[in-house]
Amino acid sequence: MATQAKRRRVAGLAGSEDPAPVASFLSWCRRVGLELSPKVAVSRQGTVAGYGMVARESVQPGELLFAVPRAALLSQHTCSISGLLERGGYAGGGGTPRRACGAGWGPNLFVSLRARRAAEPVGMGAAAAGAAARAAGPGLALEPLLCAVARAGPLGAPHVLPQGSLSGALPPARGSCDGLQEPLEEEDDEKEPNSPLMVPAADVLNHLANHNANLEYSPNCLRMVATQPIPKGHEIFNTYGQMANWQLIHMYGFTEPYPDNTDDTADIQMVTVREAALQGTKVEAERLLLYERWDFLCKLEMVGEEGAFVIGREEVLTEEELAMTLKVLCMPAEEFREFKDQDGWGDDKREEDSLTITNIPKLKASWRQLLRDSVLLTLQTYATDLKTEQDLLNSKEVYATLSWREQQALQVRYGQKMILHQLLELTN
């Protein structure tokens, strides 16, 4: 299948046409004690997009690529607008941002500033960048705050990000990771999540689902370590998280061509499953009972009018919700009455009811049929079918005539349709 090459070999590690940004960054690294392995280089050549990091020499799993002292990390507490983020007010604007945005607006604004700045090099534009910023904190009214901060100067200026840091010296990587959250210790699971961090050097790594490097946390520093063999001249990839293509394009402005994104997903709207179940009703009494079943599922908080069942390539991410929905909608009326009287308690999950991808063919026939009908209804919502998308991807000439946005949209649709067609095969 013809898609744009994901990896390109490095013709030479001469750096960018203008070496000043890289030199500035490396100088800053030396000043703050950021140790960059001699086996790696920051370069524009041989990367999937923009600046990235490539291997000067072959790297083996477990080898240290760079170490970032904690003193060099950037967070809402250490950036030069920390006072703005923590005291709940901002210069030039009346009112209190906390009232508009809710608790925890500081970390989300901090991430949003980075998301907005990261979006600019990949052509998302201000409107899309603002959408990405808002997505960093669902329901938070951050746009007024972004505008207030922007009035003080351009995003990425030293008053927002420390002068000489990676974020200030280099344009971000493709999309660039908005922020990393240090995982909590097992005994701290009940605590609030840690605030997001900007990690110099990690910021320049591009994303790949099948990444070959991973960030490790220690008391004194953060260490980027190789997790796979990396041949000389190949790019070093981090991960921005387990993200489907629709999330990548929304948050970072790019997708991974099929089949590279092993974290891709497809949604089946919950109401679509209800619609599929209604197709099997013949009389008004059956339809009323179906709605009663649906209301019961809503009471159990298994479904909602705006919700979706999320299907991955190797797992059902909403397995509990989908399994319960199929069970309740398909069980005999007498069994449902008893189940409802018990409020769903006393239900022993059986192995044959497991909704792992490999177990779907073993489900009850009624479950498989309802799931299949739901998939077929979902596929009808697309303007084109799978073969049309395949023809576009298989023709280099036709694919090249598409705009960048059309190519990215095609990759999103095609990945989703492949997952849905896999479900059709499993439910056949």
Protein backbone atom coordinates (compact mmCIF):
# COMPACT_ATOMS: atom_id res chain seq x y z
CA MET A 1 0.00 0.00 0.00
CA ALA A 2 1.43 3.36 -0.97
CA THR A 3 1.77 5.81 1.87
CA GLN A 4 4.36 8.40 2.70
CA ALA A 5 7.52 6.91 4.13
CA LYS A 6 7.51 6.88 7.89
CA ARG A 7 11.26 6.66 8.39
CA ARG A 8 13.94 8.11 6.21
CA ARG A 9 17.61 7.34 6.46
CA VAL A 10 19.95 10.21 7.18
CA ALA A 11 22.06 11.30 4.25
CA GLY A 12 24.32 13.26 6.57
CA LEU A 13 24.25 14.70 10.06
CA ALA A 14 25.26 18.18 9.06
CA GLY A 15 22.37 19.66 11.02
CA SER A 16 19.96 22.28 9.74
CA GLU A 17 20.66 24.87 7.10
CA ASP A 18 20.87 27.39 9.92
CA PRO A 19 22.92 25.79 12.73
CA ALA A 20 22.30 28.64 15.19
CA PRO A 21 19.20 27.12 16.90
CA VAL A 22 20.92 23.77 17.47
CA ALA A 23 24.11 25.44 18.68
CA SER A 24 22.10 27.61 21.07
CA PHE A 25 20.30 24.57 22.43
CA LEU A 26 23.51 22.56 22.90
CA SER A 27 25.11 25.53 24.66
CA TRP A 28 22.14 25.74 27.01
CA CYS A 29 22.37 21.97 27.67
CA ARG A 30 25.97 22.36 28.81
CA ARG A 31 25.05 25.24 31.11
CA VAL A 32 22.27 23.36 32.89
CA GLY A 33 24.00 19.97 32.98
CA LEU A 34 21.75 18.24 30.44
CA GLU A 35 23.82 15.28 29.26
CA LEU A 36 23.33 14.36 25.60
CA SER A 37 24.88 11.07 24.47
CA PRO A 38 27.58 11.44 21.80
CA LYS A 39 25.68 8.76 19.87
CA VAL A 40 22.75 11.10 19.13
CA ALA A 41 22.31 14.40 17.31
CA VAL A 42 19.58 17.01 17.01
CA SER A 43 18.87 17.48 13.31
CA ARG A 44 16.30 18.27 10.67
CA GLN A 45 17.72 15.69 8.30
CA GLY A 46 16.39 12.16 8.47
CA THR A 47 13.36 13.07 10.61
CA VAL A 48 9.68 12.65 9.81
CA ALA A 49 9.07 16.35 10.33
CA GLY A 50 10.94 19.39 11.58
CA TYR A 51 13.65 18.98 14.18
CA GLY A 52 14.16 15.57 15.70
CA MET A 53 16.85 13.38 17.18
CA VAL A 54 18.78 10.82 15.14
CA ALA A 55 21.39 8.20 15.98
CA ARG A 56 24.99 9.06 15.00
CA GLU A 57 25.94 5.48 15.88
CA SER A 58 24.01 2.29 16.49
CA VAL A 59 22.25 2.31 19.86
CA GLN A 60 21.31 -0.77 21.88
CA PRO A 61 18.28 -1.22 24.19
CA GLY A 62 18.95 0.20 27.64
CA GLU A 63 21.49 2.78 26.47
CA LEU A 64 21.11 6.30 27.83
CA LEU A 65 20.27 8.88 25.16
CA PHE A 66 20.15 11.92 27.42
CA ALA A 67 19.56 12.86 31.04
CA VAL A 68 17.72 16.02 32.12
CA PRO A 69 18.38 17.39 35.63
CA ARG A 70 15.19 18.20 37.48
CA ALA A 71 16.37 21.79 37.89
CA ALA A 72 16.09 22.18 34.10
CA LEU A 73 12.45 21.07 33.91
CA LEU A 74 9.76 23.62 33.16
CA SER A 75 6.43 23.54 34.96
CA GLN A 76 3.70 25.89 36.07
CA HIS A 77 5.75 26.41 39.25
CA THR A 78 9.08 27.22 37.55
CA CYS A 79 8.15 29.21 34.44
CA SER A 80 8.34 32.99 34.52
CA ILE A 81 4.53 33.36 34.59
CA SER A 82 4.21 31.05 37.60
CA GLY A 83 2.71 33.90 39.64
CA LEU A 84 -0.05 34.32 37.06
CA LEU A 85 -0.77 30.61 37.05
CA GLU A 86 -0.87 30.23 40.82
CA ARG A 87 -2.47 33.36 42.24
CA GLY A 88 -5.68 33.18 40.18
CA GLY A 89 -5.54 36.52 38.36
CA TYR A 90 -3.92 37.91 35.23
CA ALA A 91 -2.70 41.31 34.21
CA GLY A 92 -4.98 43.42 32.08
CA GLY A 93 -8.09 41.35 32.69
CA GLY A 94 -10.86 41.83 35.18
CA GLY A 95 -12.43 38.99 37.07
CA THR A 96 -10.94 35.76 38.28
CA PRO A 97 -9.86 33.02 35.89
CA ARG A 98 -10.64 30.38 38.50
CA ARG A 99 -14.30 31.32 38.34
CA ALA A 100 -14.32 30.94 34.56
CA CYS A 101 -12.14 27.89 34.31
CA GLY A 102 -12.61 25.91 37.47
CA ALA A 103 -10.02 24.45 39.80
CA GLY A 104 -6.77 23.31 38.29
CA TRP A 105 -6.82 25.87 35.48
CA GLY A 106 -3.13 26.67 35.96
CA PRO A 107 -1.72 23.35 34.71
CA ASN A 108 -4.19 23.30 31.82
CA LEU A 109 -3.28 26.85 30.76
CA PHE A 110 0.40 25.93 30.98
CA VAL A 111 -0.16 22.92 28.71
CA SER A 112 -2.48 24.92 26.45
CA LEU A 113 0.15 27.57 25.80
CA ARG A 114 2.48 24.79 24.65
CA ALA A 115 -0.24 23.15 22.57
CA ARG A 116 -1.04 26.40 20.82
CA ARG A 117 2.61 27.11 20.07
CA ALA A 118 3.27 23.52 18.97
CA ALA A 119 0.42 23.62 16.47
CA GLU A 120 1.73 26.61 14.54
CA PRO A 121 4.61 24.92 12.65
CA VAL A 122 2.39 22.15 11.29
CA GLY A 123 -0.11 24.52 9.73
CA MET A 124 -3.03 24.11 12.10
CA GLY A 125 -3.49 27.85 12.38
CA ALA A 126 -4.75 29.86 15.32
CA ALA A 127 -8.29 28.50 15.32
CA ALA A 128 -7.24 24.84 15.28
CA ALA A 129 -4.46 25.56 17.75
CA GLY A 130 -7.01 27.10 20.07
CA ALA A 131 -9.12 23.96 19.74
CA ALA A 132 -6.11 21.85 20.65
CA ALA A 133 -5.48 24.11 23.60
CA ARG A 134 -9.04 23.76 24.79
CA ALA A 135 -8.82 20.00 24.40
CA ALA A 136 -5.99 19.97 26.93
CA GLY A 137 -8.56 20.71 29.62
CA PRO A 138 -12.09 19.65 28.69
CA GLY A 139 -14.66 22.22 29.68
CA LEU A 140 -12.12 24.87 30.66
CA ALA A 141 -12.62 28.35 29.24
CA LEU A 142 -8.94 28.93 28.50
CA GLU A 143 -9.18 31.06 25.39
CA PRO A 144 -9.58 34.39 27.30
CA LEU A 145 -6.50 33.52 29.32
CA LEU A 146 -4.50 32.64 26.22
CA CYS A 147 -5.45 35.97 24.72
CA ALA A 148 -4.46 37.81 27.89
CA VAL A 149 -1.06 36.17 27.98
CA ALA A 150 -0.59 36.67 24.25
CA ARG A 151 -1.11 40.42 24.68
CA ALA A 152 2.06 40.50 26.78
CA GLY A 153 4.14 39.24 23.85
CA PRO A 154 4.51 36.37 21.37
CA LEU A 155 4.02 32.85 22.67
CA GLY A 156 7.37 31.20 23.22
CA ALA A 157 9.07 34.49 24.12
CA PRO A 158 11.43 34.41 27.14
CA HIS A 159 8.73 35.73 29.48
CA VAL A 160 6.81 32.47 28.92
CA LEU A 161 9.61 29.97 28.34
CA PRO A 162 13.15 30.36 29.72
CA GLN A 163 15.55 31.89 27.23
CA GLY A 164 17.98 29.39 25.80
CA SER A 165 15.89 26.36 26.68
CA LEU A 166 14.94 23.85 24.01
CA SER A 167 11.45 25.25 23.79
CA GLY A 168 12.85 28.74 23.31
CA ALA A 169 15.74 27.83 21.01
CA LEU A 170 14.20 25.29 18.66
CA PRO A 171 10.84 25.01 16.97
CA PRO A 172 9.04 22.06 18.55
CA ALA A 173 9.04 18.60 17.02
CA ARG A 174 6.17 17.48 14.81
CA GLY A 175 3.23 18.59 16.90
CA SER A 176 5.45 18.25 19.95
CA CYS A 177 4.36 16.65 23.19
CA ASP A 178 2.34 19.21 25.14
CA GLY A 179 3.50 18.04 28.53
CA LEU A 180 4.51 14.96 30.46
CA GLN A 181 2.99 13.92 33.76
CA GLU A 182 5.22 12.05 36.13
CA PRO A 183 3.42 8.88 37.25
CA LEU A 184 2.43 8.58 40.90
CA GLU A 185 4.00 5.98 43.16
CA GLU A 186 1.76 2.99 43.92
CA GLU A 187 1.16 4.17 47.48
CA ASP A 188 0.12 7.62 46.14
CA ASP A 189 -2.66 6.37 43.84
CA GLU A 190 -5.28 8.33 45.80
CA LYS A 191 -3.47 11.65 45.28
CA GLU A 192 -4.13 14.18 42.54
CA PRO A 193 -2.08 13.63 39.35
CA ASN A 194 1.23 15.46 39.13
CA SER A 195 1.32 18.75 37.25
CA PRO A 196 2.52 18.57 33.62
CA LEU A 197 6.19 19.14 32.89
CA MET A 198 8.02 20.46 29.86
CA VAL A 199 11.12 18.27 29.46
CA PRO A 200 13.94 19.82 27.38
CA ALA A 201 15.40 17.42 24.78
CA ALA A 202 12.38 15.11 25.18
CA ASP A 203 10.48 18.01 23.61
CA VAL A 204 12.34 17.59 20.32
CA LEU A 205 11.57 13.88 19.86
CA ASN A 206 8.85 13.01 17.39
CA HIS A 207 6.07 10.54 18.23
CA LEU A 208 5.59 6.98 17.05
CA ALA A 209 3.27 4.36 18.51
CA ASN A 210 6.06 1.79 18.10
CA HIS A 211 8.55 4.15 19.73
CA ASN A 212 12.16 3.16 20.35
CA ALA A 213 12.84 5.29 23.44
CA ASN A 214 11.13 5.85 26.75
CA LEU A 215 11.44 8.40 29.57
CA GLU A 216 12.42 7.09 33.00
CA TYR A 217 11.99 9.07 36.21
CA SER A 218 14.49 9.21 39.07
CA PRO A 219 14.86 11.53 42.09
CA ASN A 220 17.58 13.69 40.50
CA CYS A 221 16.86 13.57 36.78
CA LEU A 222 14.72 12.26 33.93
CA ARG A 223 16.45 9.78 31.60
CA MET A 224 15.56 8.99 28.01
CA VAL A 225 16.57 5.37 27.38
CA ALA A 226 16.49 3.30 24.20
CA THR A 227 13.94 0.48 24.28
CA GLN A 228 14.79 -1.05 20.89
CA PRO A 229 17.93 -1.33 18.75
CA ILE A 230 18.32 1.93 16.82
CA PRO A 231 20.54 1.62 13.73
CA LYS A 232 22.89 4.42 12.80
CA GLY A 233 21.07 7.15 10.91
CA HIS A 234 17.61 6.24 12.19
CA GLU A 235 15.35 8.62 14.06
CA ILE A 236 14.73 8.31 17.79
CA PHE A 237 11.04 8.38 18.70
CA ASN A 238 9.29 8.97 21.99
CA THR A 239 5.56 8.52 22.61
CA TYR A 240 3.01 11.22 23.35
CA GLY A 241 0.77 8.53 24.81
CA GLN A 242 -1.52 5.81 23.47
CA MET A 243 -3.40 7.95 20.98
CA ALA A 244 -5.65 7.16 18.05
CA ASN A 245 -5.11 9.02 14.80
CA TRP A 246 -8.08 11.30 15.42
CA GLN A 247 -6.48 12.33 18.71
CA LEU A 248 -3.08 12.87 17.11
CA ILE A 249 -4.47 15.12 14.39
CA HIS A 250 -6.56 17.06 16.92
CA MET A 251 -3.82 17.56 19.50
CA TYR A 252 -0.62 17.54 17.45
CA GLY A 253 -1.51 18.06 13.81
CA PHE A 254 -0.45 14.75 12.23
CA THR A 255 -1.43 11.10 11.84
CA GLU A 256 0.46 7.83 11.49
CA PRO A 257 -0.13 6.06 8.16
CA TYR A 258 -1.85 2.68 8.39
CA PRO A 259 -0.79 0.25 9.82
CA ASP A 260 1.83 2.11 11.90
CA ASN A 261 -0.50 3.37 14.63
CA THR A 262 -1.15 0.27 16.72
CA ASP A 263 -3.05 2.48 19.18
CA ASP A 264 -5.65 3.55 16.63
CA THR A 265 -9.32 3.16 17.54
CA ALA A 266 -12.80 3.34 16.05
CA ASP A 267 -15.90 4.56 17.86
CA ILE A 268 -19.37 3.04 17.81
CA GLN A 269 -21.78 5.58 19.22
CA MET A 270 -23.79 4.13 22.09
CA VAL A 271 -27.04 5.36 20.59
CA THR A 272 -26.12 3.48 17.41
CA VAL A 273 -26.26 0.21 19.35
CA ARG A 274 -29.68 1.24 20.62
CA GLU A 275 -30.77 2.02 17.05
CA ALA A 276 -29.51 -1.38 15.90
CA ALA A 277 -31.45 -3.09 18.69
CA LEU A 278 -34.60 -1.17 17.78
CA GLN A 279 -34.37 -2.57 14.25
CA GLY A 280 -35.10 -6.00 15.71
CA THR A 281 -38.31 -4.97 17.44
CA LYS A 282 -41.62 -5.75 15.72
CA VAL A 283 -44.35 -4.42 18.00
CA GLU A 284 -44.75 -1.42 20.29
CA ALA A 285 -44.41 -3.54 23.42
CA GLU A 286 -40.97 -4.72 22.30
CA ARG A 287 -39.88 -1.15 21.58
CA LEU A 288 -41.05 0.02 25.00
CA LEU A 289 -39.18 -2.82 26.66
CA LEU A 290 -36.06 -1.91 24.66
CA TYR A 291 -36.23 1.68 25.95
CA GLU A 292 -36.72 0.35 29.46
CA ARG A 293 -33.55 -1.72 29.08
CA TRP A 294 -31.72 1.36 27.80
CA ASP A 295 -32.89 3.48 30.72
CA PHE A 296 -31.65 0.78 33.08
CA LEU A 297 -28.23 0.84 31.40
CA CYS A 298 -28.18 4.62 31.83
CA LYS A 299 -28.95 4.15 35.52
CA LEU A 300 -26.02 1.75 35.76
CA GLU A 301 -23.91 4.46 34.05
CA MET A 302 -22.94 2.05 31.29
CA VAL A 303 -24.29 4.18 28.44
CA GLY A 304 -25.15 7.78 27.65
CA GLU A 305 -26.63 9.75 24.79
CA GLU A 306 -23.25 11.30 23.93
CA GLY A 307 -21.05 8.30 24.73
CA ALA A 308 -19.21 5.89 22.46
CA PHE A 309 -17.83 2.38 22.66
CA VAL A 310 -14.15 2.47 21.77
CA ILE A 311 -12.70 -0.40 19.76
CA GLY A 312 -8.96 -0.81 19.27
CA ARG A 313 -7.07 -3.03 16.89
CA GLU A 314 -6.28 -5.53 19.63
CA GLU A 315 -8.74 -4.78 22.42
CA VAL A 316 -12.08 -3.24 23.29
CA LEU A 317 -11.18 -0.24 25.42
CA THR A 318 -14.73 0.01 26.80
CA GLU A 319 -15.11 -3.73 27.34
CA GLU A 320 -17.18 -3.53 30.54
CA GLU A 321 -19.65 -1.03 29.10
CA LEU A 322 -20.09 -2.81 25.78
CA ALA A 323 -20.40 -6.27 27.36
CA MET A 324 -23.07 -5.07 29.79
CA THR A 325 -24.95 -3.28 27.00
CA LEU A 326 -25.04 -6.35 24.76
CA LYS A 327 -26.04 -8.50 27.73
CA VAL A 328 -28.94 -6.30 28.85
CA LEU A 329 -30.26 -5.59 25.37
CA CYS A 330 -30.14 -9.24 24.33
CA MET A 331 -31.26 -11.12 27.46
CA PRO A 332 -34.76 -12.65 27.58
CA ALA A 333 -37.48 -10.42 29.05
CA GLU A 334 -37.94 -12.56 32.18
CA GLU A 335 -34.22 -12.59 32.86
CA PHE A 336 -34.09 -8.81 32.42
CA ARG A 337 -36.88 -8.30 34.98
CA GLU A 338 -35.00 -10.35 37.55
CA PHE A 339 -31.71 -8.64 36.67
CA LYS A 340 -33.32 -5.21 37.01
CA ASP A 341 -34.88 -6.09 40.38
CA GLN A 342 -31.40 -6.91 41.64
CA ASP A 343 -30.04 -3.61 40.24
CA GLY A 344 -27.51 -5.55 38.23
CA TRP A 345 -25.97 -7.23 41.26
CA GLY A 346 -25.31 -10.93 41.57
CA ASP A 347 -24.19 -11.13 37.96
CA ASP A 348 -21.22 -13.45 37.54
CA LYS A 349 -19.17 -12.59 34.48
CA ARG A 350 -18.53 -15.70 32.45
CA GLU A 351 -15.45 -16.24 30.33
CA GLU A 352 -17.56 -16.80 27.23
CA ASP A 353 -18.99 -13.28 27.71
CA SER A 354 -15.53 -11.68 27.64
CA LEU A 355 -15.24 -8.98 24.97
CA THR A 356 -11.60 -9.38 24.09
CA ILE A 357 -11.04 -9.18 20.35
CA THR A 358 -10.08 -12.86 20.12
CA ASN A 359 -13.19 -13.92 22.04
CA ILE A 360 -15.74 -12.02 19.94
CA PRO A 361 -16.39 -15.00 17.60
CA LYS A 362 -17.30 -17.06 20.70
CA LEU A 363 -19.99 -14.65 21.92
CA LYS A 364 -23.66 -15.61 21.91
CA ALA A 365 -25.22 -15.36 18.48
CA SER A 366 -27.57 -12.57 19.61
CA TRP A 367 -24.63 -10.52 20.93
CA ARG A 368 -22.66 -10.97 17.73
CA GLN A 369 -25.65 -10.00 15.60
CA LEU A 370 -26.33 -6.83 17.56
CA LEU A 371 -22.66 -5.87 17.45
CA ARG A 372 -22.54 -6.57 13.72
CA ASP A 373 -25.66 -4.49 13.03
CA SER A 374 -24.14 -1.64 15.06
CA VAL A 375 -20.94 -1.78 12.99
CA LEU A 376 -22.92 -1.73 9.74
CA LEU A 377 -24.86 1.35 10.90
CA THR A 378 -21.60 3.04 11.87
CA LEU A 379 -20.06 2.36 8.46
CA GLN A 380 -23.09 3.99 6.84
CA THR A 381 -22.15 7.30 8.48
CA TYR A 382 -19.01 7.54 6.30
CA ALA A 383 -19.35 9.22 2.91
CA THR A 384 -17.12 6.63 1.20
CA ASP A 385 -16.54 2.92 1.56
CA LEU A 386 -13.36 1.03 2.43
CA LYS A 387 -12.52 0.12 -1.18
CA THR A 388 -12.59 3.77 -2.21
CA GLU A 389 -10.08 4.59 0.53
CA GLN A 390 -7.90 1.62 -0.43
CA ASP A 391 -7.83 2.73 -4.06
CA LEU A 392 -6.68 6.20 -3.01
CA LEU A 393 -3.92 4.82 -0.81
CA ASN A 394 -2.77 2.30 -3.42
CA SER A 395 -2.34 4.93 -6.12
CA LYS A 396 0.74 7.07 -5.50
CA GLU A 397 -0.27 9.45 -8.27
CA VAL A 398 -3.79 10.05 -6.97
CA TYR A 399 -2.66 10.23 -3.33
CA ALA A 400 -0.10 12.89 -4.27
CA THR A 401 -2.86 15.10 -5.71
CA LEU A 402 -4.62 15.27 -2.34
CA SER A 403 -3.95 18.21 -0.09
CA TRP A 404 -2.13 17.60 3.18
CA ARG A 405 -5.40 17.90 5.10
CA GLU A 406 -7.11 15.44 2.77
CA GLN A 407 -4.28 12.96 3.22
CA GLN A 408 -4.48 13.19 7.02
CA ALA A 409 -8.27 12.85 6.98
CA LEU A 410 -7.92 9.81 4.72
CA GLN A 411 -5.52 8.16 7.17
CA VAL A 412 -7.96 8.77 10.05
CA ARG A 413 -10.92 7.33 8.14
CA TYR A 414 -9.04 4.37 6.75
CA GLY A 415 -7.70 3.28 10.15
CA GLN A 416 -11.18 3.47 11.65
CA LYS A 417 -12.78 1.54 8.80
CA MET A 418 -10.16 -1.20 9.01
CA ILE A 419 -11.03 -1.73 12.68
CA LEU A 420 -14.75 -1.77 11.93
CA HIS A 421 -14.30 -4.25 9.07
CA GLN A 422 -12.25 -6.45 11.38
CA LEU A 423 -15.27 -6.48 13.70
CA LEU A 424 -17.49 -7.49 10.79
CA GLU A 425 -15.28 -10.49 10.13
CA LEU A 426 -15.23 -11.46 13.82
CA THR A 427 -19.04 -11.25 14.10
CA ASN A 428 -19.77 -13.06 10.84
